[in-house]
């Protein structure tokens, strides 16, 4: 029996030490997933806690097929989406003015961005754009599934993704211009 299966069986049997091990093993990476969908670390931690409640509540439904981390990740994404819906943090078809397309960065015309910097750019998108961009570009969900998850049309998902992508490209082209802060 694999270590993962043993851990799951112990968790299902109510072993608190096993539950703590499972949490410790996945909390760090899953906090990163939650943070991608929220505007603050406090919100991400709230989503993480809600997500792990759902993990432990639904662990008996895990069929031991596929990677446990992928199953937990899907629960975290759903927890983040539910959190955003409850807080009414994302809206779709937001009209942006030209001033929304500007981002403050160094004046250096050569932009070299690492994963952290790209994630920070994505986090500066309006929440609806950020959510759909993360779901499609980062998580790999198809637009039809995103539409079902968010209760929107597939064309709205595609449009929001394209708008998010356009904004990110514009920000990269105009690095010295002023940014609008969308945190909130």
Protein backbone atom coordinates (compact mmCIF):
# COMPACT_ATOMS: atom_id res chain seq x y z
CA UNK A 1 0.00 0.00 0.00
CA UNK A 2 1.42 3.38 -0.96
CA UNK A 3 2.23 5.97 1.63
CA UNK A 4 -0.54 8.20 0.28
CA UNK A 5 -3.14 5.45 0.64
CA UNK A 6 -2.00 4.69 4.17
CA UNK A 7 -2.25 8.36 5.06
CA UNK A 8 -5.76 8.61 3.61
CA UNK A 9 -6.94 5.48 5.42
CA UNK A 10 -5.54 6.80 8.70
CA UNK A 11 -7.28 10.15 8.13
CA UNK A 12 -10.56 8.40 7.40
CA UNK A 13 -10.15 6.41 10.60
CA UNK A 14 -10.01 9.70 12.52
CA UNK A 15 -6.27 9.66 13.25
CA UNK A 16 -5.50 13.28 14.16
CA UNK A 17 -1.76 12.85 13.58
CA UNK A 18 -2.43 11.61 10.04
CA UNK A 19 -4.79 14.51 9.40
CA UNK A 20 -2.12 16.91 10.61
CA UNK A 21 0.46 15.25 8.33
CA UNK A 22 -1.87 15.53 5.35
CA UNK A 23 -2.48 19.20 6.12
CA UNK A 24 1.23 19.93 6.58
CA UNK A 25 2.12 18.11 3.37
CA UNK A 26 -0.30 20.08 1.19
CA UNK A 27 -0.97 23.37 3.01
CA UNK A 28 2.00 25.26 1.54
CA UNK A 29 1.37 24.52 -2.12
CA UNK A 30 -2.39 24.89 -1.70
CA UNK A 31 -1.98 28.28 -0.02
CA UNK A 32 -0.29 29.35 -3.24
CA UNK A 33 -3.28 28.12 -5.23
CA UNK A 34 -5.68 30.01 -2.95
CA UNK A 35 -3.57 33.17 -3.09
CA UNK A 36 -3.76 33.22 -6.88
CA UNK A 37 -7.53 33.75 -6.66
CA UNK A 38 -7.63 36.26 -3.81
CA UNK A 39 -6.34 39.77 -3.29
CA UNK A 40 -4.73 39.27 0.12
CA UNK A 41 -2.92 36.62 2.12
CA UNK A 42 -5.61 36.83 4.82
CA UNK A 43 -8.27 35.94 2.24
CA UNK A 44 -6.06 33.13 0.90
CA UNK A 45 -5.68 31.68 4.39
CA UNK A 46 -9.45 31.81 4.89
CA UNK A 47 -9.92 29.95 1.60
CA UNK A 48 -7.25 27.42 2.58
CA UNK A 49 -9.00 26.66 5.86
CA UNK A 50 -12.38 26.30 4.15
CA UNK A 51 -10.77 24.14 1.51
CA UNK A 52 -9.23 21.77 4.05
CA UNK A 53 -12.52 21.49 5.86
CA UNK A 54 -13.94 20.30 2.54
CA UNK A 55 -10.98 17.98 1.97
CA UNK A 56 -11.50 16.21 5.29
CA UNK A 57 -15.29 16.23 4.92
CA UNK A 58 -15.09 14.65 1.45
CA UNK A 59 -11.99 12.48 1.77
CA UNK A 60 -14.12 9.34 1.69
CA UNK A 61 -15.12 10.33 -1.87
CA UNK A 62 -11.51 10.25 -3.09
CA UNK A 63 -11.32 7.11 -5.20
CA UNK A 64 -7.54 6.70 -4.85
CA UNK A 65 -7.28 7.27 -8.59
CA UNK A 66 -4.92 9.94 -9.77
CA UNK A 67 -2.74 12.05 -7.56
CA UNK A 68 -4.11 13.11 -4.17
CA UNK A 69 -2.57 16.56 -4.63
CA UNK A 70 -4.53 17.12 -7.84
CA UNK A 71 -7.76 16.14 -6.07
CA UNK A 72 -7.00 18.53 -3.20
CA UNK A 73 -6.06 21.28 -5.67
CA UNK A 74 -9.46 21.02 -7.35
CA UNK A 75 -11.16 21.37 -3.96
CA UNK A 76 -9.04 24.45 -3.22
CA UNK A 77 -9.94 26.04 -6.56
CA UNK A 78 -13.62 25.41 -5.85
CA UNK A 79 -13.23 26.83 -2.33
CA UNK A 80 -11.61 29.96 -3.80
CA UNK A 81 -14.40 30.37 -6.34
CA UNK A 82 -17.04 29.92 -3.63
CA UNK A 83 -15.26 32.48 -1.47
CA UNK A 84 -15.17 34.98 -4.33
CA UNK A 85 -18.86 34.40 -5.07
CA UNK A 86 -19.80 34.91 -1.41
CA UNK A 87 -17.76 38.09 -1.20
CA UNK A 88 -18.95 39.21 -4.64
CA UNK A 89 -15.33 39.83 -5.49
CA UNK A 90 -15.48 39.21 -9.19
CA UNK A 91 -17.61 40.75 -11.84
CA UNK A 92 -17.67 40.04 -15.53
CA UNK A 93 -17.78 42.29 -18.56
CA UNK A 94 -16.07 45.07 -16.63
CA UNK A 95 -15.41 48.03 -18.88
CA UNK A 96 -11.89 49.29 -18.51
CA UNK A 97 -10.65 52.70 -19.50
CA UNK A 98 -7.21 53.30 -20.96
CA UNK A 99 -5.87 54.28 -17.53
CA UNK A 100 -6.59 50.77 -16.24
CA UNK A 101 -4.04 49.39 -18.67
CA UNK A 102 -1.03 50.98 -17.02
CA UNK A 103 1.35 49.38 -14.60
CA UNK A 104 4.19 50.76 -12.51
CA UNK A 105 7.47 48.92 -13.03
CA UNK A 106 11.11 49.91 -13.34
CA UNK A 107 12.01 52.20 -16.22
CA UNK A 108 14.24 49.51 -17.67
CA UNK A 109 12.92 48.74 -21.17
CA UNK A 110 14.13 45.15 -20.91
CA UNK A 111 11.56 43.28 -18.85
CA UNK A 112 12.67 39.99 -17.39
CA UNK A 113 9.95 38.49 -15.29
CA UNK A 114 10.13 35.40 -13.14
CA UNK A 115 7.19 33.35 -11.95
CA UNK A 116 6.74 35.56 -8.89
CA UNK A 117 6.58 38.73 -10.97
CA UNK A 118 4.13 37.18 -13.44
CA UNK A 119 1.93 36.09 -10.53
CA UNK A 120 2.02 39.64 -9.17
CA UNK A 121 0.94 41.02 -12.54
CA UNK A 122 -1.95 38.57 -12.72
CA UNK A 123 -3.01 39.53 -9.18
CA UNK A 124 -3.34 43.16 -10.33
CA UNK A 125 -6.05 42.26 -12.83
CA UNK A 126 -9.66 42.97 -11.86
CA UNK A 127 -10.93 39.98 -9.88
CA UNK A 128 -13.12 38.55 -12.67
CA UNK A 129 -10.30 38.67 -15.20
CA UNK A 130 -7.87 37.28 -12.64
CA UNK A 131 -10.17 34.38 -11.84
CA UNK A 132 -10.76 33.33 -15.43
CA UNK A 133 -7.12 33.85 -16.43
CA UNK A 134 -6.01 31.63 -13.55
CA UNK A 135 -8.59 28.97 -14.31
CA UNK A 136 -7.73 28.79 -18.01
CA UNK A 137 -4.06 29.74 -18.36
CA UNK A 138 -2.72 28.44 -15.04
CA UNK A 139 -5.03 25.58 -14.05
CA UNK A 140 -5.79 24.49 -17.63
CA UNK A 141 -9.59 24.36 -17.39
CA UNK A 142 -11.41 24.61 -20.74
CA UNK A 143 -13.78 27.55 -21.19
CA UNK A 144 -16.83 25.29 -21.21
CA UNK A 145 -15.93 24.00 -17.73
CA UNK A 146 -15.09 27.50 -16.46
CA UNK A 147 -18.50 28.65 -17.64
CA UNK A 148 -20.18 25.85 -15.70
CA UNK A 149 -18.12 26.54 -12.58
CA UNK A 150 -18.89 30.25 -12.58
CA UNK A 151 -22.43 30.19 -13.92
CA UNK A 152 -21.56 32.24 -17.00
CA UNK A 153 -21.59 31.55 -20.72
CA UNK A 154 -18.65 30.00 -22.49
CA UNK A 155 -18.33 33.13 -24.64
CA UNK A 156 -18.11 35.30 -21.49
CA UNK A 157 -15.29 33.10 -20.23
CA UNK A 158 -13.45 33.40 -23.55
CA UNK A 159 -13.98 37.16 -23.70
CA UNK A 160 -12.80 37.71 -20.12
CA UNK A 161 -9.72 35.58 -20.76
CA UNK A 162 -8.85 37.50 -23.92
CA UNK A 163 -9.34 40.83 -22.16
CA UNK A 164 -7.12 39.73 -19.27
CA UNK A 165 -4.48 38.58 -21.71
CA UNK A 166 -4.67 41.89 -23.59
CA UNK A 167 -4.26 43.88 -20.37
CA UNK A 168 -1.23 41.84 -19.37
CA UNK A 169 0.35 42.36 -22.79
CA UNK A 170 -0.33 46.10 -22.61
CA UNK A 171 1.26 46.28 -19.16
CA UNK A 172 4.34 44.55 -20.48
CA UNK A 173 4.56 46.98 -23.42
CA UNK A 174 4.19 50.10 -21.23
CA UNK A 175 6.30 49.35 -18.15
CA UNK A 176 6.78 52.90 -16.83
CA UNK A 177 3.14 53.98 -16.74
CA UNK A 178 0.84 54.33 -13.73
CA UNK A 179 -1.04 51.33 -12.33
CA UNK A 180 -4.55 51.24 -10.94
CA UNK A 181 -4.69 49.26 -7.69
CA UNK A 182 -7.45 46.66 -7.82
CA UNK A 183 -6.82 45.16 -4.39
CA UNK A 184 -9.85 45.17 -2.25
